[in-house]
PDB file of all heavy atoms in Angstrom:
ATOM      1  N   ASP A   1       8.928  24.263 -26.034  1.00  0.00           N
ATOM      2  CA  ASP A   1       8.844  22.930 -26.671  1.00  0.00           C
ATOM      3  C   ASP A   1       7.836  22.117 -25.950  1.00  0.00           C
ATOM      4  O   ASP A   1       7.005  21.422 -26.584  1.00  0.00           O
ATOM      5  CB  ASP A   1      10.227  22.285 -26.603  1.00  0.00           C
ATOM      6  CG  ASP A   1      10.287  20.910 -27.269  1.00  0.00           C
ATOM      7  OD1 ASP A   1       9.787  19.956 -26.657  1.00  0.00           O
ATOM      8  OD2 ASP A   1      10.726  20.852 -28.415  1.00  0.00           O
ATOM      9  N   LEU A   2       7.846  22.088 -24.649  1.00  0.00           N
ATOM     10  CA  LEU A   2       6.956  21.302 -23.847  1.00  0.00           C
ATOM     11  C   LEU A   2       5.478  21.684 -24.091  1.00  0.00           C
ATOM     12  O   LEU A   2       4.580  20.825 -24.204  1.00  0.00           O
ATOM     13  CB  LEU A   2       7.279  21.357 -22.416  1.00  0.00           C
ATOM     14  CG  LEU A   2       8.570  20.632 -21.997  1.00  0.00           C
ATOM     15  CD1 LEU A   2       8.990  21.077 -20.588  1.00  0.00           C
ATOM     16  CD2 LEU A   2       8.377  19.122 -21.981  1.00  0.00           C
ATOM     17  N   LYS A   3       5.216  22.953 -24.269  1.00  0.00           N
ATOM     18  CA  LYS A   3       3.862  23.462 -24.420  1.00  0.00           C
ATOM     19  C   LYS A   3       3.250  23.058 -25.835  1.00  0.00           C
ATOM     20  O   LYS A   3       2.039  23.148 -25.982  1.00  0.00           O
ATOM     21  CB  LYS A   3       3.796  24.938 -24.224  1.00  0.00           C
ATOM     22  CG  LYS A   3       3.916  25.378 -22.753  1.00  0.00           C
ATOM     23  CD  LYS A   3       3.785  26.873 -22.615  1.00  0.00           C
ATOM     24  CE  LYS A   3       3.807  27.292 -21.137  1.00  0.00           C
ATOM     25  NZ  LYS A   3       3.699  28.704 -20.939  1.00  0.00           N
ATOM     26  N   GLN A   4       4.181  22.663 -26.720  1.00  0.00           N
ATOM     27  CA  GLN A   4       3.679  22.274 -28.054  1.00  0.00           C
ATOM     28  C   GLN A   4       3.239  20.803 -28.076  1.00  0.00           C
ATOM     29  O   GLN A   4       2.692  20.366 -29.090  1.00  0.00           O
ATOM     30  CB  GLN A   4       4.740  22.527 -29.107  1.00  0.00           C
ATOM     31  CG  GLN A   4       5.384  23.882 -29.108  1.00  0.00           C
ATOM     32  CD  GLN A   4       4.438  25.037 -29.223  1.00  0.00           C
ATOM     33  OE1 GLN A   4       3.498  25.030 -30.055  1.00  0.00           O
ATOM     34  NE2 GLN A   4       4.581  25.985 -28.358  1.00  0.00           N
ATOM     35  N   ARG A   5       3.529  20.096 -27.088  1.00  0.00           N
ATOM     36  CA  ARG A   5       3.369  18.627 -27.129  1.00  0.00           C
ATOM     37  C   ARG A   5       2.115  18.133 -26.387  1.00  0.00           C
ATOM     38  O   ARG A   5       1.871  18.520 -25.263  1.00  0.00           O
ATOM     39  CB  ARG A   5       4.582  17.931 -26.519  1.00  0.00           C
ATOM     40  CG  ARG A   5       5.897  18.265 -27.296  1.00  0.00           C
ATOM     41  CD  ARG A   5       7.141  17.546 -26.769  1.00  0.00           C
ATOM     42  NE  ARG A   5       8.302  18.012 -27.624  1.00  0.00           N
ATOM     43  CZ  ARG A   5       8.597  17.425 -28.770  1.00  0.00           C
ATOM     44  NH1 ARG A   5       7.849  16.428 -29.210  1.00  0.00           N
ATOM     45  NH2 ARG A   5       9.641  17.890 -29.454  1.00  0.00           N
ATOM     46  N   GLY A   6       1.382  17.277 -27.089  1.00  0.00           N
ATOM     47  CA  GLY A   6       0.137  16.780 -26.535  1.00  0.00           C
ATOM     48  C   GLY A   6       0.329  15.710 -25.472  1.00  0.00           C
ATOM     49  O   GLY A   6      -0.637  15.349 -24.760  1.00  0.00           O
ATOM     50  N   ASN A   7       1.563  15.168 -25.359  1.00  0.00           N
ATOM     51  CA  ASN A   7       1.787  14.107 -24.364  1.00  0.00           C
ATOM     52  C   ASN A   7       2.415  14.675 -23.078  1.00  0.00           C
ATOM     53  O   ASN A   7       3.055  13.956 -22.315  1.00  0.00           O
ATOM     54  CB  ASN A   7       2.681  13.013 -24.937  1.00  0.00           C
ATOM     55  CG  ASN A   7       4.053  13.560 -25.495  1.00  0.00           C
ATOM     56  OD1 ASN A   7       4.168  14.689 -25.805  1.00  0.00           O
ATOM     57  ND2 ASN A   7       5.041  12.656 -25.466  1.00  0.00           N
ATOM     58  N   VAL A   8       2.264  16.014 -22.838  1.00  0.00           N
ATOM     59  CA  VAL A   8       2.868  16.648 -21.687  1.00  0.00           C
ATOM     60  C   VAL A   8       1.826  17.421 -20.881  1.00  0.00           C
ATOM     61  O   VAL A   8       0.957  18.133 -21.481  1.00  0.00           O
ATOM     62  CB  VAL A   8       3.994  17.624 -22.117  1.00  0.00           C
ATOM     63  CG1 VAL A   8       4.527  18.350 -20.897  1.00  0.00           C
ATOM     64  CG2 VAL A   8       5.139  16.879 -22.806  1.00  0.00           C
ATOM     65  N   GLN A   9       1.833  17.236 -19.544  1.00  0.00           N
ATOM     66  CA  GLN A   9       1.060  18.035 -18.669  1.00  0.00           C
ATOM     67  C   GLN A   9       1.994  18.853 -17.758  1.00  0.00           C
ATOM     68  O   GLN A   9       2.887  18.267 -17.115  1.00  0.00           O
ATOM     69  CB  GLN A   9       0.105  17.179 -17.818  1.00  0.00           C
ATOM     70  CG  GLN A   9      -0.955  16.431 -18.666  1.00  0.00           C
ATOM     71  CD  GLN A   9      -1.918  15.672 -17.702  1.00  0.00           C
ATOM     72  OE1 GLN A   9      -2.844  16.226 -17.211  1.00  0.00           O
ATOM     73  NE2 GLN A   9      -1.574  14.450 -17.466  1.00  0.00           N
ATOM     74  N   LEU A  10       1.785  20.139 -17.739  1.00  0.00           N
ATOM     75  CA  LEU A  10       2.653  21.007 -16.897  1.00  0.00           C
ATOM     76  C   LEU A  10       1.848  21.564 -15.746  1.00  0.00           C
ATOM     77  O   LEU A  10       0.761  22.158 -15.998  1.00  0.00           O
ATOM     78  CB  LEU A  10       3.256  22.147 -17.732  1.00  0.00           C
ATOM     79  CG  LEU A  10       4.087  21.757 -18.942  1.00  0.00           C
ATOM     80  CD1 LEU A  10       4.489  23.001 -19.728  1.00  0.00           C
ATOM     81  CD2 LEU A  10       5.398  21.077 -18.451  1.00  0.00           C
ATOM     82  N   PHE A  11       2.331  21.458 -14.563  1.00  0.00           N
ATOM     83  CA  PHE A  11       1.640  21.981 -13.377  1.00  0.00           C
ATOM     84  C   PHE A  11       2.586  22.866 -12.582  1.00  0.00           C
ATOM     85  O   PHE A  11       3.721  22.418 -12.217  1.00  0.00           O
ATOM     86  CB  PHE A  11       1.123  20.831 -12.517  1.00  0.00           C
ATOM     87  CG  PHE A  11       0.045  20.020 -13.145  1.00  0.00           C
ATOM     88  CD1 PHE A  11       0.408  18.783 -13.795  1.00  0.00           C
ATOM     89  CD2 PHE A  11      -1.245  20.361 -13.245  1.00  0.00           C
ATOM     90  CE1 PHE A  11      -0.496  17.982 -14.392  1.00  0.00           C
ATOM     91  CE2 PHE A  11      -2.199  19.608 -13.876  1.00  0.00           C
ATOM     92  CZ  PHE A  11      -1.853  18.404 -14.463  1.00  0.00           C
ATOM     93  N   THR A  12       2.196  24.081 -12.280  1.00  0.00           N
ATOM     94  CA  THR A  12       2.933  24.953 -11.354  1.00  0.00           C
ATOM     95  C   THR A  12       2.161  24.989 -10.047  1.00  0.00           C
ATOM     96  O   THR A  12       1.024  24.424  -9.908  1.00  0.00           O
ATOM     97  CB  THR A  12       3.167  26.307 -11.929  1.00  0.00           C
ATOM     98  OG1 THR A  12       1.867  26.850 -12.308  1.00  0.00           O
ATOM     99  CG2 THR A  12       4.064  26.244 -13.154  1.00  0.00           C
ATOM    100  N   ASP A  13       2.749  25.574  -9.015  1.00  0.00           N
ATOM    101  CA  ASP A  13       2.136  25.635  -7.668  1.00  0.00           C
ATOM    102  C   ASP A  13       1.724  24.265  -7.245  1.00  0.00           C
ATOM    103  O   ASP A  13       0.566  24.069  -6.624  1.00  0.00           O
ATOM    104  CB  ASP A  13       0.904  26.591  -7.702  1.00  0.00           C
ATOM    105  CG  ASP A  13       1.274  28.053  -7.984  1.00  0.00           C
ATOM    106  OD1 ASP A  13       2.201  28.561  -7.274  1.00  0.00           O
ATOM    107  OD2 ASP A  13       0.687  28.638  -8.888  1.00  0.00           O
ATOM    108  N   SER A  14       2.540  23.281  -7.515  1.00  0.00           N
ATOM    109  CA  SER A  14       2.174  21.875  -7.243  1.00  0.00           C
ATOM    110  C   SER A  14       3.299  21.205  -6.481  1.00  0.00           C
ATOM    111  O   SER A  14       4.027  20.367  -6.972  1.00  0.00           O
ATOM    112  CB  SER A  14       1.899  21.117  -8.551  1.00  0.00           C
ATOM    113  OG  SER A  14       0.826  21.753  -9.278  1.00  0.00           O
ATOM    114  N   ARG A  15       3.434  21.596  -5.235  1.00  0.00           N
ATOM    115  CA  ARG A  15       4.409  20.914  -4.332  1.00  0.00           C
ATOM    116  C   ARG A  15       3.824  19.602  -3.909  1.00  0.00           C
ATOM    117  O   ARG A  15       2.745  19.444  -3.396  1.00  0.00           O
ATOM    118  CB  ARG A  15       4.656  21.781  -3.102  1.00  0.00           C
ATOM    119  CG  ARG A  15       5.749  21.179  -2.204  1.00  0.00           C
ATOM    120  CD  ARG A  15       6.016  22.103  -1.034  1.00  0.00           C
ATOM    121  NE  ARG A  15       6.549  23.395  -1.492  1.00  0.00           N
ATOM    122  CZ  ARG A  15       7.850  23.631  -1.782  1.00  0.00           C
ATOM    123  NH1 ARG A  15       8.760  22.668  -1.676  1.00  0.00           N
ATOM    124  NH2 ARG A  15       8.218  24.850  -2.168  1.00  0.00           N
ATOM    125  N   LEU A  16       4.606  18.517  -4.182  1.00  0.00           N
ATOM    126  CA  LEU A  16       4.127  17.168  -3.948  1.00  0.00           C
ATOM    127  C   LEU A  16       4.874  16.575  -2.702  1.00  0.00           C
ATOM    128  O   LEU A  16       6.040  16.823  -2.504  1.00  0.00           O
ATOM    129  CB  LEU A  16       4.394  16.261  -5.123  1.00  0.00           C
ATOM    130  CG  LEU A  16       3.718  16.699  -6.434  1.00  0.00           C
ATOM    131  CD1 LEU A  16       4.095  15.662  -7.552  1.00  0.00           C
ATOM    132  CD2 LEU A  16       2.235  16.736  -6.289  1.00  0.00           C
ATOM    133  N   ASP A  17       4.128  15.764  -1.988  1.00  0.00           N
ATOM    134  CA  ASP A  17       4.769  14.915  -0.969  1.00  0.00           C
ATOM    135  C   ASP A  17       4.636  13.464  -1.374  1.00  0.00           C
ATOM    136  O   ASP A  17       4.101  13.141  -2.388  1.00  0.00           O
ATOM    137  CB  ASP A  17       4.143  15.165   0.450  1.00  0.00           C
ATOM    138  CG  ASP A  17       2.648  14.887   0.477  1.00  0.00           C
ATOM    139  OD1 ASP A  17       2.143  14.060  -0.301  1.00  0.00           O
ATOM    140  OD2 ASP A  17       1.974  15.495   1.336  1.00  0.00           O
ATOM    141  N   GLY A  18       5.189  12.581  -0.563  1.00  0.00           N
ATOM    142  CA  GLY A  18       5.187  11.161  -0.936  1.00  0.00           C
ATOM    143  C   GLY A  18       3.779  10.566  -1.167  1.00  0.00           C
ATOM    144  O   GLY A  18       3.578   9.793  -2.061  1.00  0.00           O
ATOM    145  N   GLU A  19       2.825  11.000  -0.319  1.00  0.00           N
ATOM    146  CA  GLU A  19       1.465  10.471  -0.471  1.00  0.00           C
ATOM    147  C   GLU A  19       0.875  10.920  -1.772  1.00  0.00           C
ATOM    148  O   GLU A  19       0.159  10.184  -2.442  1.00  0.00           O
ATOM    149  CB  GLU A  19       0.617  10.919   0.701  1.00  0.00           C
ATOM    150  CG  GLU A  19       0.958  10.256   2.046  1.00  0.00           C
ATOM    151  CD  GLU A  19       0.067  10.651   3.176  1.00  0.00           C
ATOM    152  OE1 GLU A  19      -0.965  11.392   2.888  1.00  0.00           O
ATOM    153  OE2 GLU A  19       0.293  10.238   4.331  1.00  0.00           O
ATOM    154  N   GLN A  20       1.101  12.180  -2.103  1.00  0.00           N
ATOM    155  CA  GLN A  20       0.528  12.702  -3.367  1.00  0.00           C
ATOM    156  C   GLN A  20       1.123  12.013  -4.596  1.00  0.00           C
ATOM    157  O   GLN A  20       0.452  11.793  -5.570  1.00  0.00           O
ATOM    158  CB  GLN A  20       0.732  14.225  -3.394  1.00  0.00           C
ATOM    159  CG  GLN A  20      -0.139  14.957  -2.384  1.00  0.00           C
ATOM    160  CD  GLN A  20       0.235  16.405  -2.253  1.00  0.00           C
ATOM    161  OE1 GLN A  20       1.459  16.739  -2.305  1.00  0.00           O
ATOM    162  NE2 GLN A  20      -0.728  17.272  -2.081  1.00  0.00           N
ATOM    163  N   VAL A  21       2.437  11.728  -4.545  1.00  0.00           N
ATOM    164  CA  VAL A  21       3.064  11.025  -5.612  1.00  0.00           C
ATOM    165  C   VAL A  21       2.418   9.637  -5.769  1.00  0.00           C
ATOM    166  O   VAL A  21       2.086   9.179  -6.835  1.00  0.00           O
ATOM    167  CB  VAL A  21       4.565  10.842  -5.377  1.00  0.00           C
ATOM    168  CG1 VAL A  21       5.220   9.952  -6.441  1.00  0.00           C
ATOM    169  CG2 VAL A  21       5.234  12.263  -5.455  1.00  0.00           C
ATOM    170  N   ALA A  22       2.172   9.009  -4.629  1.00  0.00           N
ATOM    171  CA  ALA A  22       1.582   7.683  -4.651  1.00  0.00           C
ATOM    172  C   ALA A  22       0.187   7.765  -5.221  1.00  0.00           C
ATOM    173  O   ALA A  22      -0.242   6.846  -6.021  1.00  0.00           O
ATOM    174  CB  ALA A  22       1.550   7.078  -3.271  1.00  0.00           C
ATOM    175  N   GLU A  23      -0.595   8.773  -4.906  1.00  0.00           N
ATOM    176  CA  GLU A  23      -1.926   8.941  -5.434  1.00  0.00           C
ATOM    177  C   GLU A  23      -2.002   9.128  -6.974  1.00  0.00           C
ATOM    178  O   GLU A  23      -2.941   8.700  -7.601  1.00  0.00           O
ATOM    179  CB  GLU A  23      -2.600  10.152  -4.770  1.00  0.00           C
ATOM    180  CG  GLU A  23      -2.962   9.911  -3.273  1.00  0.00           C
ATOM    181  CD  GLU A  23      -3.456  11.221  -2.651  1.00  0.00           C
ATOM    182  OE1 GLU A  23      -3.626  12.218  -3.412  1.00  0.00           O
ATOM    183  OE2 GLU A  23      -3.717  11.218  -1.408  1.00  0.00           O
ATOM    184  N   LEU A  24      -0.923   9.661  -7.488  1.00  0.00           N
ATOM    185  CA  LEU A  24      -0.847   9.861  -8.955  1.00  0.00           C
ATOM    186  C   LEU A  24      -0.769   8.554  -9.695  1.00  0.00           C
ATOM    187  O   LEU A  24      -1.157   8.439 -10.822  1.00  0.00           O
ATOM    188  CB  LEU A  24       0.300  10.749  -9.352  1.00  0.00           C
ATOM    189  CG  LEU A  24       0.151  12.287  -8.947  1.00  0.00           C
ATOM    190  CD1 LEU A  24       1.475  12.987  -9.279  1.00  0.00           C
ATOM    191  CD2 LEU A  24      -1.008  12.893  -9.729  1.00  0.00           C
ATOM    192  N   GLY A  25      -0.201   7.535  -9.033  1.00  0.00           N
ATOM    193  CA  GLY A  25      -0.106   6.222  -9.614  1.00  0.00           C
ATOM    194  C   GLY A  25       0.914   6.114 -10.756  1.00  0.00           C
ATOM    195  O   GLY A  25       0.863   5.182 -11.560  1.00  0.00           O
ATOM    196  N   ILE A  26       1.821   7.065 -10.878  1.00  0.00           N
ATOM    197  CA  ILE A  26       2.853   7.015 -11.898  1.00  0.00           C
ATOM    198  C   ILE A  26       4.100   6.328 -11.327  1.00  0.00           C
ATOM    199  O   ILE A  26       4.604   6.810 -10.307  1.00  0.00           O
ATOM    200  CB  ILE A  26       3.230   8.423 -12.404  1.00  0.00           C
ATOM    201  CG1 ILE A  26       1.955   9.110 -12.998  1.00  0.00           C
ATOM    202  CG2 ILE A  26       4.312   8.393 -13.436  1.00  0.00           C
ATOM    203  CD1 ILE A  26       2.124  10.562 -13.403  1.00  0.00           C
ATOM    204  N   GLU A  27       4.565   5.290 -11.927  1.00  0.00           N
ATOM    205  CA  GLU A  27       5.581   4.424 -11.362  1.00  0.00           C
ATOM    206  C   GLU A  27       6.986   4.803 -11.777  1.00  0.00           C
ATOM    207  O   GLU A  27       7.951   4.203 -11.340  1.00  0.00           O
ATOM    208  CB  GLU A  27       5.305   2.989 -11.708  1.00  0.00           C
ATOM    209  CG  GLU A  27       4.005   2.420 -11.200  1.00  0.00           C
ATOM    210  CD  GLU A  27       3.817   1.031 -11.487  1.00  0.00           C
ATOM    211  OE1 GLU A  27       3.825   0.672 -12.696  1.00  0.00           O
ATOM    212  OE2 GLU A  27       3.609   0.201 -10.580  1.00  0.00           O
ATOM    213  N   HIS A  28       7.143   5.769 -12.656  1.00  0.00           N
ATOM    214  CA  HIS A  28       8.490   6.217 -13.128  1.00  0.00           C
ATOM    215  C   HIS A  28       8.646   7.650 -12.768  1.00  0.00           C
ATOM    216  O   HIS A  28       8.030   8.522 -13.372  1.00  0.00           O
ATOM    217  CB  HIS A  28       8.643   5.947 -14.602  1.00  0.00           C
ATOM    218  CG  HIS A  28       8.410   4.510 -14.999  1.00  0.00           C
ATOM    219  ND1 HIS A  28       9.373   3.518 -14.837  1.00  0.00           N
ATOM    220  CD2 HIS A  28       7.293   3.899 -15.508  1.00  0.00           C
ATOM    221  CE1 HIS A  28       8.877   2.388 -15.269  1.00  0.00           C
ATOM    222  NE2 HIS A  28       7.605   2.583 -15.648  1.00  0.00           N
ATOM    223  N   VAL A  29       9.517   7.956 -11.756  1.00  0.00           N
ATOM    224  CA  VAL A  29       9.604   9.295 -11.184  1.00  0.00           C
ATOM    225  C   VAL A  29      11.030   9.809 -11.255  1.00  0.00           C
ATOM    226  O   VAL A  29      12.000   9.093 -10.837  1.00  0.00           O
ATOM    227  CB  VAL A  29       9.122   9.320  -9.716  1.00  0.00           C
ATOM    228  CG1 VAL A  29       9.210  10.696  -9.109  1.00  0.00           C
ATOM    229  CG2 VAL A  29       7.677   8.787  -9.640  1.00  0.00           C
ATOM    230  N   PHE A  30      11.178  11.024 -11.692  1.00  0.00           N
ATOM    231  CA  PHE A  30      12.499  11.721 -11.725  1.00  0.00           C
ATOM    232  C   PHE A  30      12.362  12.941 -10.797  1.00  0.00           C
ATOM    233  O   PHE A  30      11.447  13.773 -10.990  1.00  0.00           O
ATOM    234  CB  PHE A  30      12.839  12.148 -13.167  1.00  0.00           C
ATOM    235  CG  PHE A  30      12.930  11.006 -14.120  1.00  0.00           C
ATOM    236  CD1 PHE A  30      11.829  10.526 -14.775  1.00  0.00           C
ATOM    237  CD2 PHE A  30      14.183  10.403 -14.354  1.00  0.00           C
ATOM    238  CE1 PHE A  30      11.932   9.421 -15.639  1.00  0.00           C
ATOM    239  CE2 PHE A  30      14.313   9.364 -15.229  1.00  0.00           C
ATOM    240  CZ  PHE A  30      13.178   8.822 -15.871  1.00  0.00           C
ATOM    241  N   VAL A  31      13.272  13.012  -9.833  1.00  0.00           N
ATOM    242  CA  VAL A  31      13.137  14.055  -8.804  1.00  0.00           C
ATOM    243  C   VAL A  31      14.236  15.078  -9.055  1.00  0.00           C
ATOM    244  O   VAL A  31      15.446  14.825  -8.988  1.00  0.00           O
ATOM    245  CB  VAL A  31      13.292  13.474  -7.386  1.00  0.00           C
ATOM    246  CG1 VAL A  31      13.222  14.583  -6.370  1.00  0.00           C
ATOM    247  CG2 VAL A  31      12.234  12.426  -7.135  1.00  0.00           C
ATOM    248  N   ALA A  32      13.767  16.325  -9.472  1.00  0.00           N
ATOM    249  CA  ALA A  32      14.701  17.408  -9.728  1.00  0.00           C
ATOM    250  C   ALA A  32      14.353  18.620  -8.835  1.00  0.00           C
ATOM    251  O   ALA A  32      13.990  19.674  -9.305  1.00  0.00           O
ATOM    252  CB  ALA A  32      14.582  17.781 -11.205  1.00  0.00           C
ATOM    253  N   THR A  33      14.454  18.415  -7.539  1.00  0.00           N
ATOM    254  CA  THR A  33      13.998  19.391  -6.582  1.00  0.00           C
ATOM    255  C   THR A  33      15.041  20.438  -6.242  1.00  0.00           C
ATOM    256  O   THR A  33      14.851  21.275  -5.390  1.00  0.00           O
ATOM    257  CB  THR A  33      13.519  18.670  -5.320  1.00  0.00           C
ATOM    258  OG1 THR A  33      14.439  17.639  -4.977  1.00  0.00           O
ATOM    259  CG2 THR A  33      12.180  18.051  -5.533  1.00  0.00           C
ATOM    260  N   GLY A  34      16.232  20.329  -6.863  1.00  0.00           N
ATOM    261  CA  GLY A  34      17.204  21.404  -6.732  1.00  0.00           C
ATOM    262  C   GLY A  34      17.919  21.425  -5.432  1.00  0.00           C
ATOM    263  O   GLY A  34      18.091  20.448  -4.691  1.00  0.00           O
ATOM    264  N   SER A  35      18.404  22.620  -5.126  1.00  0.00           N
ATOM    265  CA  SER A  35      19.183  22.868  -3.885  1.00  0.00           C
ATOM    266  C   SER A  35      18.922  24.231  -3.374  1.00  0.00           C
ATOM    267  O   SER A  35      18.399  25.053  -4.114  1.00  0.00           O
ATOM    268  CB  SER A  35      20.704  22.625  -4.160  1.00  0.00           C
ATOM    269  OG  SER A  35      21.145  23.551  -5.097  1.00  0.00           O
ATOM    270  N   ARG A  36      19.394  24.492  -2.150  1.00  0.00           N
ATOM    271  CA  ARG A  36      19.290  25.862  -1.594  1.00  0.00           C
ATOM    272  C   ARG A  36      20.653  26.296  -1.003  1.00  0.00           C
ATOM    273  O   ARG A  36      21.407  25.422  -0.604  1.00  0.00           O
ATOM    274  CB  ARG A  36      18.232  25.946  -0.538  1.00  0.00           C
ATOM    275  CG  ARG A  36      18.522  25.167   0.705  1.00  0.00           C
ATOM    276  CD  ARG A  36      17.378  25.260   1.784  1.00  0.00           C
ATOM    277  NE  ARG A  36      17.723  24.613   3.028  1.00  0.00           N
ATOM    278  CZ  ARG A  36      17.727  23.335   3.262  1.00  0.00           C
ATOM    279  NH1 ARG A  36      17.305  22.485   2.289  1.00  0.00           N
ATOM    280  NH2 ARG A  36      18.049  22.855   4.465  1.00  0.00           N
ATOM    281  N   TRP A  37      20.870  27.532  -1.072  1.00  0.00           N
ATOM    282  CA  TRP A  37      22.173  28.086  -0.564  1.00  0.00           C
ATOM    283  C   TRP A  37      22.201  27.961   0.978  1.00  0.00           C
ATOM    284  O   TRP A  37      21.236  28.309   1.639  1.00  0.00           O
ATOM    285  CB  TRP A  37      22.412  29.491  -1.057  1.00  0.00           C
ATOM    286  CG  TRP A  37      22.738  29.526  -2.491  1.00  0.00           C
ATOM    287  CD1 TRP A  37      21.896  29.682  -3.559  1.00  0.00           C
ATOM    288  CD2 TRP A  37      24.059  29.395  -3.088  1.00  0.00           C
ATOM    289  NE1 TRP A  37      22.589  29.614  -4.734  1.00  0.00           N
ATOM    290  CE2 TRP A  37      23.888  29.481  -4.501  1.00  0.00           C
ATOM    291  CE3 TRP A  37      25.292  29.173  -2.503  1.00  0.00           C
ATOM    292  CZ2 TRP A  37      24.984  29.375  -5.363  1.00  0.00           C
ATOM    293  CZ3 TRP A  37      26.391  29.126  -3.373  1.00  0.00           C
ATOM    294  CH2 TRP A  37      26.254  29.180  -4.779  1.00  0.00           C
ATOM    295  N   ARG A  38      23.356  27.602   1.477  1.00  0.00           N
ATOM    296  CA  ARG A  38      23.538  27.433   2.902  1.00  0.00           C
ATOM    297  C   ARG A  38      23.641  28.823   3.564  1.00  0.00           C
ATOM    298  O   ARG A  38      24.164  29.784   2.952  1.00  0.00           O
ATOM    299  CB  ARG A  38      24.834  26.681   3.223  1.00  0.00           C
ATOM    300  CG  ARG A  38      24.814  25.280   2.674  1.00  0.00           C
ATOM    301  CD  ARG A  38      26.120  24.560   3.048  1.00  0.00           C
ATOM    302  NE  ARG A  38      26.121  24.284   4.519  1.00  0.00           N
ATOM    303  CZ  ARG A  38      26.286  23.033   5.035  1.00  0.00           C
ATOM    304  NH1 ARG A  38      26.477  22.038   4.262  1.00  0.00           N
ATOM    305  NH2 ARG A  38      26.317  22.907   6.335  1.00  0.00           N
TER     306      ARG A  38
END
């Protein structure tokens, strides 16, 4: 579905830190970074 839409950009191999998020200048952020098994 996402690949059919012109208003979507998908990036893999793109681990972001706080500075990189700030550089993007996007003010509405949803963080879905998951979890890891203990």
